[in-house]
């Protein structure tokens, strides 16, 4: 829901940084992988109850997630780069809830499992929509220039990162926050199914 507004403010800054990094020979794929490594390191810190340091690494990881696209635009976008970005993003989004479960299985296990389920459903609705949109040659730049079709939703990247950061700042609230955010993710998936019904209903 907030991604569009956030991107309008951040993209000019990221594009300048991305152009500077591209001139230094840094590749978008390398930044994508660096972002995942930082995200996985954050997950390890969460599992060890080092929540504030984890929050800092989450922010750095998502900075990389914004910079890889900017570098790609400054150099050359590739289909593999777009594929890698999506796959590693999903790995990051799964690792953080899993880390909270590991940190306190008794308190966080059920809510964390529900959250991972909602991510799975929401992610599959997102990717399935993108695949059919590609088949129908649909395009949008509502979330900027992307490798695949991006649909909007109530729970997007900005909201997810905000949830992760709040959970790191108040780890005792994770279970309650996870249930609420899982509901938002499932609502987003449902709204995407309704949208798909409206757009794709004229044929298979």
Protein backbone atom coordinates (compact mmCIF):
# COMPACT_ATOMS: atom_id res chain seq x y z
CA UNK A 1 0.00 0.00 0.00
CA UNK A 2 2.82 2.42 0.86
CA UNK A 3 5.38 1.22 -1.70
CA UNK A 4 4.35 3.70 -4.39
CA UNK A 5 4.66 6.75 -2.15
CA UNK A 6 7.95 5.52 -0.68
CA UNK A 7 9.42 4.81 -4.11
CA UNK A 8 8.59 8.30 -5.37
CA UNK A 9 10.75 9.76 -2.61
CA UNK A 10 13.54 7.17 -2.56
CA UNK A 11 14.01 6.37 -6.25
CA UNK A 12 15.80 9.64 -7.20
CA UNK A 13 18.30 9.09 -4.35
CA UNK A 14 18.75 5.39 -5.13
CA UNK A 15 19.21 6.12 -8.84
CA UNK A 16 22.03 8.55 -8.11
CA UNK A 17 23.73 6.08 -5.76
CA UNK A 18 23.16 3.26 -8.22
CA UNK A 19 24.72 5.21 -11.08
CA UNK A 20 27.77 5.97 -8.92
CA UNK A 21 28.15 2.30 -7.94
CA UNK A 22 27.72 1.18 -11.55
CA UNK A 23 30.55 3.51 -12.61
CA UNK A 24 32.77 1.76 -10.07
CA UNK A 25 32.03 -1.56 -11.71
CA UNK A 26 29.71 -3.00 -9.09
CA UNK A 27 27.11 -5.39 -10.50
CA UNK A 28 23.43 -5.47 -9.58
CA UNK A 29 23.60 -9.22 -8.91
CA UNK A 30 26.42 -8.75 -6.41
CA UNK A 31 24.35 -6.17 -4.52
CA UNK A 32 21.33 -8.51 -4.56
CA UNK A 33 23.41 -11.30 -3.02
CA UNK A 34 24.90 -8.88 -0.48
CA UNK A 35 21.37 -7.88 0.51
CA UNK A 36 20.44 -11.49 1.16
CA UNK A 37 23.60 -12.10 3.20
CA UNK A 38 22.80 -9.09 5.38
CA UNK A 39 19.22 -10.32 5.78
CA UNK A 40 20.35 -13.81 6.78
CA UNK A 41 22.83 -12.30 9.24
CA UNK A 42 19.91 -10.33 10.72
CA UNK A 43 17.97 -13.59 11.06
CA UNK A 44 20.88 -15.17 12.95
CA UNK A 45 20.98 -12.19 15.30
CA UNK A 46 17.25 -12.43 15.94
CA UNK A 47 17.61 -16.13 16.76
CA UNK A 48 20.30 -15.11 19.27
CA UNK A 49 18.04 -12.37 20.74
CA UNK A 50 20.25 -9.53 19.44
CA UNK A 51 17.26 -7.62 18.10
CA UNK A 52 18.60 -4.07 17.75
CA UNK A 53 21.61 -5.17 15.71
CA UNK A 54 19.25 -7.28 13.61
CA UNK A 55 17.08 -4.23 12.90
CA UNK A 56 20.11 -2.33 11.63
CA UNK A 57 21.05 -5.19 9.29
CA UNK A 58 17.47 -5.45 8.03
CA UNK A 59 17.63 -1.78 7.01
CA UNK A 60 20.98 -2.31 5.26
CA UNK A 61 19.63 -5.40 3.53
CA UNK A 62 16.65 -3.50 2.14
CA UNK A 63 18.93 -0.65 1.07
CA UNK A 64 20.72 -3.21 -1.08
CA UNK A 65 17.35 -4.37 -2.37
CA UNK A 66 16.69 -0.84 -3.62
CA UNK A 67 20.19 -0.29 -4.95
CA UNK A 68 20.39 -3.44 -7.06
CA UNK A 69 17.59 -2.21 -9.32
CA UNK A 70 19.18 1.24 -9.55
CA UNK A 71 22.52 -0.28 -10.57
CA UNK A 72 20.76 -2.49 -13.12
CA UNK A 73 19.05 0.53 -14.65
CA UNK A 74 22.38 2.37 -14.84
CA UNK A 75 24.15 -0.60 -16.46
CA UNK A 76 21.98 -3.24 -18.08
CA UNK A 77 18.90 -5.03 -16.79
CA UNK A 78 18.85 -8.79 -17.31
CA UNK A 79 16.15 -11.40 -16.91
CA UNK A 80 18.42 -13.39 -14.60
CA UNK A 81 18.94 -10.34 -12.42
CA UNK A 82 15.18 -9.89 -12.09
CA UNK A 83 14.77 -13.59 -11.29
CA UNK A 84 17.54 -13.52 -8.69
CA UNK A 85 16.09 -10.42 -7.04
CA UNK A 86 12.65 -12.00 -6.58
CA UNK A 87 13.96 -15.36 -5.33
CA UNK A 88 16.36 -13.83 -2.81
CA UNK A 89 13.72 -11.38 -1.61
CA UNK A 90 11.44 -14.31 -0.83
CA UNK A 91 14.31 -16.03 0.99
CA UNK A 92 14.81 -12.94 3.14
CA UNK A 93 11.10 -12.56 3.91
CA UNK A 94 10.94 -16.19 5.03
CA UNK A 95 14.12 -16.09 7.11
CA UNK A 96 13.04 -13.32 9.49
CA UNK A 97 9.83 -14.97 10.80
CA UNK A 98 11.69 -18.28 11.03
CA UNK A 99 14.32 -16.57 13.16
CA UNK A 100 11.68 -15.32 15.60
CA UNK A 101 10.34 -18.88 15.86
CA UNK A 102 13.85 -20.17 16.62
CA UNK A 103 14.36 -17.39 19.16
CA UNK A 104 11.34 -18.52 21.20
CA UNK A 105 9.54 -21.59 19.78
CA UNK A 106 7.01 -21.81 22.60
CA UNK A 107 5.88 -18.19 22.38
CA UNK A 108 6.33 -17.57 18.65
CA UNK A 109 5.89 -20.95 16.98
CA UNK A 110 2.18 -20.90 16.15
CA UNK A 111 2.00 -17.22 15.19
CA UNK A 112 5.23 -17.48 13.21
CA UNK A 113 3.93 -20.53 11.36
CA UNK A 114 0.71 -18.68 10.51
CA UNK A 115 2.75 -15.74 9.25
CA UNK A 116 4.89 -17.98 7.02
CA UNK A 117 1.70 -19.59 5.68
CA UNK A 118 0.30 -16.15 4.83
CA UNK A 119 3.56 -15.19 3.11
CA UNK A 120 3.36 -18.41 1.07
CA UNK A 121 -0.22 -17.72 -0.04
CA UNK A 122 0.42 -14.04 -0.70
CA UNK A 123 3.63 -14.73 -2.59
CA UNK A 124 2.03 -17.41 -4.76
CA UNK A 125 -0.85 -15.09 -5.65
CA UNK A 126 1.66 -12.39 -6.57
CA UNK A 127 3.78 -14.66 -8.77
CA UNK A 128 0.81 -16.38 -10.41
CA UNK A 129 -0.71 -13.00 -11.27
CA UNK A 130 2.61 -11.84 -12.71
CA UNK A 131 2.92 -15.00 -14.84
CA UNK A 132 -0.55 -14.62 -16.37
CA UNK A 133 0.01 -10.87 -16.85
CA UNK A 134 3.20 -11.68 -18.80
CA UNK A 135 1.28 -14.20 -20.92
CA UNK A 136 -1.24 -11.49 -21.76
CA UNK A 137 1.49 -8.89 -22.40
CA UNK A 138 0.19 -6.65 -19.62
CA UNK A 139 2.55 -4.07 -18.16
CA UNK A 140 2.61 -1.51 -15.38
CA UNK A 141 5.15 0.80 -13.79
CA UNK A 142 3.03 1.61 -10.74
CA UNK A 143 5.94 0.29 -8.64
CA UNK A 144 8.62 1.56 -11.00
CA UNK A 145 10.36 -0.39 -13.74
CA UNK A 146 10.25 -4.04 -12.68
CA UNK A 147 11.18 -7.35 -14.25
CA UNK A 148 7.71 -8.76 -13.65
CA UNK A 149 4.20 -7.37 -13.27
CA UNK A 150 3.71 -5.90 -9.79
CA UNK A 151 0.22 -5.71 -8.34
CA UNK A 152 -0.56 -3.44 -5.40
CA UNK A 153 -1.82 -4.68 -2.06
CA UNK A 154 -2.46 -3.85 1.56
CA UNK A 155 0.69 -5.66 2.71
CA UNK A 156 3.66 -4.83 0.49
CA UNK A 157 7.40 -4.51 1.02
CA UNK A 158 7.24 -1.26 3.00
CA UNK A 159 4.66 -2.63 5.42
CA UNK A 160 6.60 -5.89 5.79
CA UNK A 161 9.84 -4.12 6.63
CA UNK A 162 8.02 -1.87 9.10
CA UNK A 163 6.54 -4.97 10.74
CA UNK A 164 9.98 -6.63 10.98
CA UNK A 165 11.49 -3.51 12.53
CA UNK A 166 8.70 -3.09 15.08
CA UNK A 167 9.03 -6.78 15.98
CA UNK A 168 12.77 -6.28 16.53
CA UNK A 169 12.13 -3.26 18.73
CA UNK A 170 9.39 -5.04 20.70
CA UNK A 171 10.15 -8.78 20.39
CA UNK A 172 7.70 -9.70 23.13
CA UNK A 173 4.93 -8.46 20.82
CA UNK A 174 5.93 -10.71 17.93
CA UNK A 175 3.08 -13.19 18.25
CA UNK A 176 0.34 -10.56 18.32
CA UNK A 177 1.97 -8.56 15.53
CA UNK A 178 2.47 -11.69 13.43
CA UNK A 179 -1.20 -12.67 13.65
CA UNK A 180 -2.28 -9.17 12.62
CA UNK A 181 0.17 -9.01 9.76
CA UNK A 182 -0.76 -12.53 8.62
CA UNK A 183 -4.36 -11.34 8.35
CA UNK A 184 -3.23 -8.38 6.23
CA UNK A 185 -1.23 -10.69 3.95
CA UNK A 186 -4.15 -13.06 3.49
CA UNK A 187 -6.45 -10.12 2.76
CA UNK A 188 -3.94 -8.91 0.15
CA UNK A 189 -3.90 -12.35 -1.46
CA UNK A 190 -7.71 -12.47 -1.49
CA UNK A 191 -7.93 -9.02 -3.07
CA UNK A 192 -5.42 -10.13 -5.72
CA UNK A 193 -7.59 -13.18 -6.48
CA UNK A 194 -10.60 -10.89 -6.91
CA UNK A 195 -8.55 -8.63 -9.20
CA UNK A 196 -7.40 -11.63 -11.22
CA UNK A 197 -11.02 -12.73 -11.60
CA UNK A 198 -11.94 -9.32 -12.98
CA UNK A 199 -8.99 -9.09 -15.38
CA UNK A 200 -8.51 -12.71 -16.48
CA UNK A 201 -12.10 -13.97 -16.60
CA UNK A 202 -12.49 -13.57 -20.40
CA UNK A 203 -10.37 -16.59 -21.28
CA UNK A 204 -7.69 -19.02 -20.19
